[in-house]
Amino acid sequence: MKLFLKIWRQKDASTKGQMVDYTLDGVEGDMSFLEMLDILNEDLINKGEEPVEFDHDCREGICGTCSLQINGEPHGPDRLVTTCQLHMRKFNDGDTIVIEPFRAKAFPVIKDLIVDRSSFDRIQQAGGYISVNTSGNTVDANAIPIEKQAADSAMDSATCIGCGACVAACKNASAMLFTSAKVSQFAQLPQGRVEATDRVMNMVRQMDLEGFGNCTNTGACEIECPKGISLENIARMNREYLAASVKG
């Protein structure tokens, strides 16, 4: 395939960026999207030009770092996949592909296609954990009875990889789906109920401090999420937040 690429290039966070056109030939349908970018970068390096910077790690759809906006869609035209799992057979010979970083005030661009998503880390640090006594007088977690439905639902929430697709897909750049998934994975388990009030209050407060927008229930976040995180998590977090607010 021969492809025409329009890629966002930006030297650093303080420099104004712009779209730059590239033409790439010899792309095969079985290549992943990141492999296609690897080939482009090899060509640029051979020409003595600066390669396109993009984020990646495991390339197995687990870590979520390969977050790209492709033709206006987070992670591209496929569903329930990350960018590294997207294959070039989803595109046609002669296609023009627009590649941008995730766009959100809370995700400032570092360089080219790489954004700073440490705002997610700070939300997680605000309450996405449980305090456990590790002094030697511990209770085996496997000894605590948990209903299967609750365990399965908590695991579904915990599959969130924090890629930020929900934010990029939302017209308000809301992080409600991410935050609610991290609240829900603890809220449904007895180990997480001890600190439930502080958790939801602190995580929502940090989310607002980071500059994410409000949720207006358009549902784009769920559609674009590579792990299929459900909007039910947002409803659950709202209930948790209301209960915590009443409790004071």
C-alpha atoms as a PDB file:
ATOM      1  CA  MET A   1       0.000   0.000   0.000  1.00  0.00           C
ATOM      2  CA  LYS A   2       0.943   3.576  -0.577  1.00  0.00           C
ATOM      3  CA  LEU A   3      -0.196   5.914   2.177  1.00  0.00           C
ATOM      4  CA  PHE A   4      -0.239   9.650   2.650  1.00  0.00           C
ATOM      5  CA  LEU A   5       0.403  10.603   6.261  1.00  0.00           C
ATOM      6  CA  LYS A   6      -0.338  13.877   7.984  1.00  0.00           C
ATOM      7  CA  ILE A   7       1.522  13.795  11.306  1.00  0.00           C
ATOM      8  CA  TRP A   8       1.628  16.324  14.125  1.00  0.00           C
ATOM      9  CA  ARG A   9       5.206  17.474  14.701  1.00  0.00           C
ATOM     10  CA  GLN A  10       6.091  19.528  17.763  1.00  0.00           C
ATOM     11  CA  LYS A  11       9.645  20.033  19.038  1.00  0.00           C
ATOM     12  CA  ASP A  12       8.732  20.431  22.704  1.00  0.00           C
ATOM     13  CA  ALA A  13       5.982  21.594  25.050  1.00  0.00           C
ATOM     14  CA  SER A  14       6.776  25.289  24.550  1.00  0.00           C
ATOM     15  CA  THR A  15       7.078  25.190  20.750  1.00  0.00           C
ATOM     16  CA  LYS A  16       4.148  25.612  18.386  1.00  0.00           C
ATOM     17  CA  GLY A  17       3.418  22.441  16.444  1.00  0.00           C
ATOM     18  CA  GLN A  18       2.118  21.783  12.949  1.00  0.00           C
ATOM     19  CA  MET A  19       0.961  19.004  10.651  1.00  0.00           C
ATOM     20  CA  VAL A  20       3.664  17.644   8.330  1.00  0.00           C
ATOM     21  CA  ASP A  21       2.964  15.538   5.226  1.00  0.00           C
ATOM     22  CA  TYR A  22       4.753  12.262   4.504  1.00  0.00           C
ATOM     23  CA  THR A  23       4.340   9.640   1.788  1.00  0.00           C
ATOM     24  CA  LEU A  24       5.062   6.010   2.650  1.00  0.00           C
ATOM     25  CA  ASP A  25       5.134   3.160   0.148  1.00  0.00           C
ATOM     26  CA  GLY A  26       5.342  -0.611   0.600  1.00  0.00           C
ATOM     27  CA  VAL A  27       3.073  -0.866   3.643  1.00  0.00           C
ATOM     28  CA  GLU A  28       1.658  -4.360   4.147  1.00  0.00           C
ATOM     29  CA  GLY A  29      -1.755  -5.131   5.608  1.00  0.00           C
ATOM     30  CA  ASP A  30      -0.340  -7.461   8.271  1.00  0.00           C
ATOM     31  CA  MET A  31       1.809  -4.699   9.749  1.00  0.00           C
ATOM     32  CA  SER A  32       0.683  -3.096  12.962  1.00  0.00           C
ATOM     33  CA  PHE A  33       0.189   0.657  12.986  1.00  0.00           C
ATOM     34  CA  LEU A  34       3.340   1.110  15.074  1.00  0.00           C
ATOM     35  CA  GLU A  35       5.350  -1.053  12.675  1.00  0.00           C
ATOM     36  CA  MET A  36       4.230   1.269   9.913  1.00  0.00           C
ATOM     37  CA  LEU A  37       5.534   4.228  11.938  1.00  0.00           C
ATOM     38  CA  ASP A  38       8.793   2.325  12.534  1.00  0.00           C
ATOM     39  CA  ILE A  39       9.281   2.038   8.770  1.00  0.00           C
ATOM     40  CA  LEU A  40       8.557   5.742   8.331  1.00  0.00           C
ATOM     41  CA  ASN A  41      11.135   6.572  10.992  1.00  0.00           C
ATOM     42  CA  GLU A  42      13.747   4.326   9.360  1.00  0.00           C
ATOM     43  CA  ASP A  43      13.229   6.253   6.117  1.00  0.00           C
ATOM     44  CA  LEU A  44      13.501   9.592   7.905  1.00  0.00           C
ATOM     45  CA  ILE A  45      16.694   8.555   9.719  1.00  0.00           C
ATOM     46  CA  ASN A  46      18.236   7.323   6.463  1.00  0.00           C
ATOM     47  CA  LYS A  47      17.480  10.742   4.964  1.00  0.00           C
ATOM     48  CA  GLY A  48      19.101  12.473   7.934  1.00  0.00           C
ATOM     49  CA  GLU A  49      15.777  13.815   9.184  1.00  0.00           C
ATOM     50  CA  GLU A  50      14.356  13.800  12.716  1.00  0.00           C
ATOM     51  CA  PRO A  51      12.200  10.697  13.357  1.00  0.00           C
ATOM     52  CA  VAL A  52       8.642  11.019  14.641  1.00  0.00           C
ATOM     53  CA  GLU A  53       8.497  10.570  18.407  1.00  0.00           C
ATOM     54  CA  PHE A  54       5.678   8.332  19.639  1.00  0.00           C
ATOM     55  CA  ASP A  55       5.053   6.418  22.853  1.00  0.00           C
ATOM     56  CA  HIS A  56       5.022   2.621  23.116  1.00  0.00           C
ATOM     57  CA  ASP A  57       6.149  -0.160  25.399  1.00  0.00           C
ATOM     58  CA  CYS A  58       4.706  -3.673  25.446  1.00  0.00           C
ATOM     59  CA  ARG A  59       3.031  -3.609  22.007  1.00  0.00           C
ATOM     60  CA  GLU A  60       0.600  -6.209  23.326  1.00  0.00           C
ATOM     61  CA  GLY A  61      -2.390  -4.003  24.191  1.00  0.00           C
ATOM     62  CA  ILE A  62      -1.631  -4.130  27.906  1.00  0.00           C
ATOM     63  CA  CYS A  63       0.179  -0.947  28.927  1.00  0.00           C
ATOM     64  CA  GLY A  64      -1.822   1.708  27.064  1.00  0.00           C
ATOM     65  CA  THR A  65       1.150   3.922  26.235  1.00  0.00           C
ATOM     66  CA  CYS A  66       0.690   3.701  22.442  1.00  0.00           C
ATOM     67  CA  SER A  67      -2.121   6.245  22.522  1.00  0.00           C
ATOM     68  CA  LEU A  68      -2.602   8.050  19.210  1.00  0.00           C
ATOM     69  CA  GLN A  69      -5.460   9.976  17.626  1.00  0.00           C
ATOM     70  CA  ILE A  70      -5.874   8.411  14.177  1.00  0.00           C
ATOM     71  CA  ASN A  71      -8.233  10.079  11.722  1.00  0.00           C
ATOM     72  CA  GLY A  72      -9.972  11.699  14.668  1.00  0.00           C
ATOM     73  CA  GLU A  73     -10.433   8.474  16.663  1.00  0.00           C
ATOM     74  CA  PRO A  74      -8.437   7.403  19.731  1.00  0.00           C
ATOM     75  CA  HIS A  75      -6.521   4.231  18.789  1.00  0.00           C
ATOM     76  CA  GLY A  76      -7.955   4.379  15.254  1.00  0.00           C
ATOM     77  CA  PRO A  77     -10.926   2.873  13.384  1.00  0.00           C
ATOM     78  CA  ASP A  78     -10.983  -0.561  15.029  1.00  0.00           C
ATOM     79  CA  ARG A  79     -12.784  -1.343  18.302  1.00  0.00           C
ATOM     80  CA  LEU A  80     -11.519  -2.857  21.568  1.00  0.00           C
ATOM     81  CA  VAL A  81      -7.891  -2.534  20.465  1.00  0.00           C
ATOM     82  CA  THR A  82      -5.015  -0.231  21.288  1.00  0.00           C
ATOM     83  CA  THR A  83      -2.952   1.463  18.578  1.00  0.00           C
ATOM     84  CA  CYS A  84      -0.301  -1.265  18.728  1.00  0.00           C
ATOM     85  CA  GLN A  85      -2.997  -3.873  18.008  1.00  0.00           C
ATOM     86  CA  LEU A  86      -4.394  -1.911  15.056  1.00  0.00           C
ATOM     87  CA  HIS A  87      -3.360  -3.474  11.737  1.00  0.00           C
ATOM     88  CA  MET A  88      -2.870  -1.672   8.443  1.00  0.00           C
ATOM     89  CA  ARG A  89      -5.480  -3.893   6.749  1.00  0.00           C
ATOM     90  CA  LYS A  90      -7.996  -1.473   8.279  1.00  0.00           C
ATOM     91  CA  PHE A  91      -6.774   1.054   5.694  1.00  0.00           C
ATOM     92  CA  ASN A  92      -6.771   1.078   1.912  1.00  0.00           C
ATOM     93  CA  ASP A  93      -4.146   1.811  -0.707  1.00  0.00           C
ATOM     94  CA  GLY A  94      -3.962   5.557  -1.295  1.00  0.00           C
ATOM     95  CA  ASP A  95      -5.567   6.505   2.026  1.00  0.00           C
ATOM     96  CA  THR A  96      -4.664   9.696   3.821  1.00  0.00           C
ATOM     97  CA  ILE A  97      -4.128   9.091   7.548  1.00  0.00           C
ATOM     98  CA  VAL A  98      -4.089  11.953  10.024  1.00  0.00           C
ATOM     99  CA  ILE A  99      -2.065  11.133  13.152  1.00  0.00           C
ATOM    100  CA  GLU A 100      -2.180  13.383  16.211  1.00  0.00           C
ATOM    101  CA  PRO A 101      -1.482  13.196  19.934  1.00  0.00           C
ATOM    102  CA  PHE A 102      -4.383  12.949  22.360  1.00  0.00           C
ATOM    103  CA  ARG A 103      -5.847  16.429  22.750  1.00  0.00           C
ATOM    104  CA  ALA A 104      -6.647  17.597  26.282  1.00  0.00           C
ATOM    105  CA  LYS A 105      -5.548  20.432  28.526  1.00  0.00           C
ATOM    106  CA  ALA A 106      -4.576  17.882  31.182  1.00  0.00           C
ATOM    107  CA  PHE A 107      -2.474  15.949  28.610  1.00  0.00           C
ATOM    108  CA  PRO A 108       0.145  18.518  27.491  1.00  0.00           C
ATOM    109  CA  VAL A 109       2.255  17.538  24.485  1.00  0.00           C
ATOM    110  CA  ILE A 110       5.853  16.608  25.342  1.00  0.00           C
ATOM    111  CA  LYS A 111       7.073  16.092  21.769  1.00  0.00           C
ATOM    112  CA  ASP A 112       5.392  15.147  18.499  1.00  0.00           C
ATOM    113  CA  LEU A 113       2.837  12.437  19.379  1.00  0.00           C
ATOM    114  CA  ILE A 114       3.837  11.988  23.035  1.00  0.00           C
ATOM    115  CA  VAL A 115       1.705  13.552  25.770  1.00  0.00           C
ATOM    116  CA  ASP A 116       2.201  13.841  29.513  1.00  0.00           C
ATOM    117  CA  ARG A 117      -0.445  11.674  31.199  1.00  0.00           C
ATOM    118  CA  SER A 118       0.958  11.982  34.712  1.00  0.00           C
ATOM    119  CA  SER A 119      -2.350  13.616  35.673  1.00  0.00           C
ATOM    120  CA  PHE A 120      -3.781  10.070  35.674  1.00  0.00           C
ATOM    121  CA  ASP A 121      -1.021   8.988  38.039  1.00  0.00           C
ATOM    122  CA  ARG A 122      -1.897  11.785  40.461  1.00  0.00           C
ATOM    123  CA  ILE A 123      -5.581  10.807  40.423  1.00  0.00           C
ATOM    124  CA  GLN A 124      -4.582   7.226  41.187  1.00  0.00           C
ATOM    125  CA  GLN A 125      -2.234   8.344  43.957  1.00  0.00           C
ATOM    126  CA  ALA A 126      -5.024  10.384  45.536  1.00  0.00           C
ATOM    127  CA  GLY A 127      -6.996   7.277  46.460  1.00  0.00           C
ATOM    128  CA  GLY A 128      -6.545   4.320  44.143  1.00  0.00           C
ATOM    129  CA  TYR A 129      -5.144   1.988  46.761  1.00  0.00           C
ATOM    130  CA  ILE A 130      -5.985   0.220  50.021  1.00  0.00           C
ATOM    131  CA  SER A 131      -4.042   0.405  53.286  1.00  0.00           C
ATOM    132  CA  VAL A 132      -2.909  -3.033  54.411  1.00  0.00           C
ATOM    133  CA  ASN A 133      -1.248  -4.058  57.660  1.00  0.00           C
ATOM    134  CA  THR A 134       1.991  -5.768  56.638  1.00  0.00           C
ATOM    135  CA  SER A 135       3.409  -6.107  60.157  1.00  0.00           C
ATOM    136  CA  GLY A 136       3.160  -9.880  60.039  1.00  0.00           C
ATOM    137  CA  ASN A 137      -0.322 -10.126  61.530  1.00  0.00           C
ATOM    138  CA  THR A 138      -2.090 -10.173  58.175  1.00  0.00           C
ATOM    139  CA  VAL A 139      -5.201 -11.905  56.884  1.00  0.00           C
ATOM    140  CA  ASP A 140      -4.917 -13.797  53.629  1.00  0.00           C
ATOM    141  CA  ALA A 141      -7.005 -11.987  51.022  1.00  0.00           C
ATOM    142  CA  ASN A 142      -8.166 -15.344  49.676  1.00  0.00           C
ATOM    143  CA  ALA A 143      -9.832 -16.014  53.052  1.00  0.00           C
ATOM    144  CA  ILE A 144     -12.226 -13.068  52.642  1.00  0.00           C
ATOM    145  CA  PRO A 145     -15.493 -14.234  51.026  1.00  0.00           C
ATOM    146  CA  ILE A 146     -16.527 -12.198  47.979  1.00  0.00           C
ATOM    147  CA  GLU A 147     -19.584 -12.810  45.809  1.00  0.00           C
ATOM    148  CA  LYS A 148     -18.590 -13.902  42.305  1.00  0.00           C
ATOM    149  CA  GLN A 149     -20.709 -11.209  40.675  1.00  0.00           C
ATOM    150  CA  ALA A 150     -18.942  -8.519  42.708  1.00  0.00           C
ATOM    151  CA  ALA A 151     -15.508 -10.014  42.025  1.00  0.00           C
ATOM    152  CA  ASP A 152     -16.185 -10.232  38.290  1.00  0.00           C
ATOM    153  CA  SER A 153     -17.514  -6.676  38.147  1.00  0.00           C
ATOM    154  CA  ALA A 154     -14.520  -5.356  40.098  1.00  0.00           C
ATOM    155  CA  MET A 155     -12.190  -7.153  37.696  1.00  0.00           C
ATOM    156  CA  ASP A 156     -14.018  -5.651  34.704  1.00  0.00           C
ATOM    157  CA  SER A 157     -13.351  -2.194  36.171  1.00  0.00           C
ATOM    158  CA  ALA A 158      -9.735  -3.060  36.948  1.00  0.00           C
ATOM    159  CA  THR A 159      -9.030  -3.864  33.279  1.00  0.00           C
ATOM    160  CA  CYS A 160      -8.731  -0.114  32.614  1.00  0.00           C
ATOM    161  CA  ILE A 161      -5.162   0.480  31.393  1.00  0.00           C
ATOM    162  CA  GLY A 162      -5.217   4.252  31.840  1.00  0.00           C
ATOM    163  CA  CYS A 163      -4.450   5.003  28.191  1.00  0.00           C
ATOM    164  CA  GLY A 164      -6.536   8.180  28.102  1.00  0.00           C
ATOM    165  CA  ALA A 165      -8.705   7.274  25.100  1.00  0.00           C
ATOM    166  CA  CYS A 166     -11.786   8.204  27.129  1.00  0.00           C
ATOM    167  CA  VAL A 167     -10.437  11.723  27.617  1.00  0.00           C
ATOM    168  CA  ALA A 168      -9.454  12.086  23.964  1.00  0.00           C
ATOM    169  CA  ALA A 169     -12.865  10.875  22.795  1.00  0.00           C
ATOM    170  CA  CYS A 170     -14.847  13.160  25.095  1.00  0.00           C
ATOM    171  CA  LYS A 171     -15.912  16.567  23.766  1.00  0.00           C
ATOM    172  CA  ASN A 172     -15.299  17.917  27.269  1.00  0.00           C
ATOM    173  CA  ALA A 173     -12.001  16.033  27.834  1.00  0.00           C
ATOM    174  CA  SER A 174     -13.558  14.376  30.873  1.00  0.00           C
ATOM    175  CA  ALA A 175     -11.679  11.746  32.882  1.00  0.00           C
ATOM    176  CA  MET A 176     -14.815  10.382  34.532  1.00  0.00           C
ATOM    177  CA  LEU A 177     -14.573   6.925  32.931  1.00  0.00           C
ATOM    178  CA  PHE A 178     -10.965   6.440  34.037  1.00  0.00           C
ATOM    179  CA  THR A 179     -11.546   7.778  37.551  1.00  0.00           C
ATOM    180  CA  SER A 180     -14.763   5.837  38.035  1.00  0.00           C
ATOM    181  CA  ALA A 181     -13.107   2.599  36.917  1.00  0.00           C
ATOM    182  CA  LYS A 182     -10.359   3.097  39.497  1.00  0.00           C
ATOM    183  CA  VAL A 183     -12.944   3.894  42.190  1.00  0.00           C
ATOM    184  CA  SER A 184     -15.167   0.972  41.198  1.00  0.00           C
ATOM    185  CA  GLN A 185     -12.486  -1.700  41.309  1.00  0.00           C
ATOM    186  CA  PHE A 186     -12.167  -1.045  45.048  1.00  0.00           C
ATOM    187  CA  ALA A 187     -15.732   0.004  45.857  1.00  0.00           C
ATOM    188  CA  GLN A 188     -17.080  -3.454  45.004  1.00  0.00           C
ATOM    189  CA  LEU A 189     -14.667  -5.365  47.237  1.00  0.00           C
ATOM    190  CA  PRO A 190     -14.702  -5.583  51.049  1.00  0.00           C
ATOM    191  CA  GLN A 191     -11.012  -4.652  51.165  1.00  0.00           C
ATOM    192  CA  GLY A 192     -11.856  -1.340  49.513  1.00  0.00           C
ATOM    193  CA  ARG A 193     -14.857  -0.374  51.640  1.00  0.00           C
ATOM    194  CA  VAL A 194     -12.760   0.716  54.646  1.00  0.00           C
ATOM    195  CA  GLU A 195     -11.463   3.820  52.856  1.00  0.00           C
ATOM    196  CA  ALA A 196     -14.319   4.212  50.384  1.00  0.00           C
ATOM    197  CA  THR A 197     -15.427   7.671  51.571  1.00  0.00           C
ATOM    198  CA  ASP A 198     -11.984   9.260  51.457  1.00  0.00           C
ATOM    199  CA  ARG A 199     -11.120   7.499  48.213  1.00  0.00           C
ATOM    200  CA  VAL A 200     -13.934   8.818  46.071  1.00  0.00           C
ATOM    201  CA  MET A 201     -13.757  12.329  47.533  1.00  0.00           C
ATOM    202  CA  ASN A 202      -9.992  12.582  47.052  1.00  0.00           C
ATOM    203  CA  MET A 203      -9.894  11.099  43.553  1.00  0.00           C
ATOM    204  CA  VAL A 204     -12.731  13.275  42.242  1.00  0.00           C
ATOM    205  CA  ARG A 205     -11.126  16.339  43.814  1.00  0.00           C
ATOM    206  CA  GLN A 206      -7.793  15.554  42.155  1.00  0.00           C
ATOM    207  CA  MET A 207      -9.510  14.914  38.822  1.00  0.00           C
ATOM    208  CA  ASP A 208     -11.021  18.399  38.968  1.00  0.00           C
ATOM    209  CA  LEU A 209      -7.705  19.963  39.999  1.00  0.00           C
ATOM    210  CA  GLU A 210      -6.010  18.439  36.956  1.00  0.00           C
ATOM    211  CA  GLY A 211      -8.320  20.409  34.655  1.00  0.00           C
ATOM    212  CA  PHE A 212     -10.404  17.634  33.128  1.00  0.00           C
ATOM    213  CA  GLY A 213     -13.864  18.607  31.878  1.00  0.00           C
ATOM    214  CA  ASN A 214     -17.272  17.537  33.120  1.00  0.00           C
ATOM    215  CA  CYS A 215     -19.135  14.425  31.983  1.00  0.00           C
ATOM    216  CA  THR A 216     -22.266  15.023  29.881  1.00  0.00           C
ATOM    217  CA  ASN A 217     -23.050  11.338  29.244  1.00  0.00           C
ATOM    218  CA  THR A 218     -22.480  11.314  25.485  1.00  0.00           C
ATOM    219  CA  GLY A 219     -20.963   7.835  25.757  1.00  0.00           C
ATOM    220  CA  ALA A 220     -18.037   8.384  23.375  1.00  0.00           C
ATOM    221  CA  CYS A 221     -15.631   7.288  26.115  1.00  0.00           C
ATOM    222  CA  GLU A 222     -17.126   3.807  26.373  1.00  0.00           C
ATOM    223  CA  ILE A 223     -17.215   3.374  22.587  1.00  0.00           C
ATOM    224  CA  GLU A 224     -13.549   4.311  22.119  1.00  0.00           C
ATOM    225  CA  CYS A 225     -12.208   2.520  25.216  1.00  0.00           C
ATOM    226  CA  PRO A 226      -9.897  -0.314  24.079  1.00  0.00           C
ATOM    227  CA  LYS A 227     -10.917  -2.377  27.120  1.00  0.00           C
ATOM    228  CA  GLY A 228     -14.655  -1.728  26.906  1.00  0.00           C
ATOM    229  CA  ILE A 229     -14.943  -0.067  30.317  1.00  0.00           C
ATOM    230  CA  SER A 230     -18.649   0.457  30.973  1.00  0.00           C
ATOM    231  CA  LEU A 231     -20.459   3.728  31.699  1.00  0.00           C
ATOM    232  CA  GLU A 232     -21.956   1.898  34.682  1.00  0.00           C
ATOM    233  CA  ASN A 233     -18.745   2.783  36.501  1.00  0.00           C
ATOM    234  CA  ILE A 234     -19.568   6.487  36.246  1.00  0.00           C
ATOM    235  CA  ALA A 235     -23.015   5.903  37.733  1.00  0.00           C
ATOM    236  CA  ARG A 236     -21.450   3.871  40.532  1.00  0.00           C
ATOM    237  CA  MET A 237     -18.891   6.580  41.278  1.00  0.00           C
ATOM    238  CA  ASN A 238     -21.641   9.209  41.375  1.00  0.00           C
ATOM    239  CA  ARG A 239     -23.499   7.126  43.956  1.00  0.00           C
ATOM    240  CA  GLU A 240     -20.300   6.654  45.962  1.00  0.00           C
ATOM    241  CA  TYR A 241     -19.597  10.391  45.811  1.00  0.00           C
ATOM    242  CA  LEU A 242     -23.137  11.304  46.909  1.00  0.00           C
ATOM    243  CA  ALA A 243     -22.979   8.905  49.840  1.00  0.00           C
ATOM    244  CA  ALA A 244     -19.554  10.219  50.859  1.00  0.00           C
ATOM    245  CA  SER A 245     -20.768  13.826  50.639  1.00  0.00           C
ATOM    246  CA  VAL A 246     -23.763  13.119  52.869  1.00  0.00           C
ATOM    247  CA  LYS A 247     -21.552  11.281  55.342  1.00  0.00           C
ATOM    248  CA  GLY A 248     -19.300  14.338  55.447  1.00  0.00           C
END
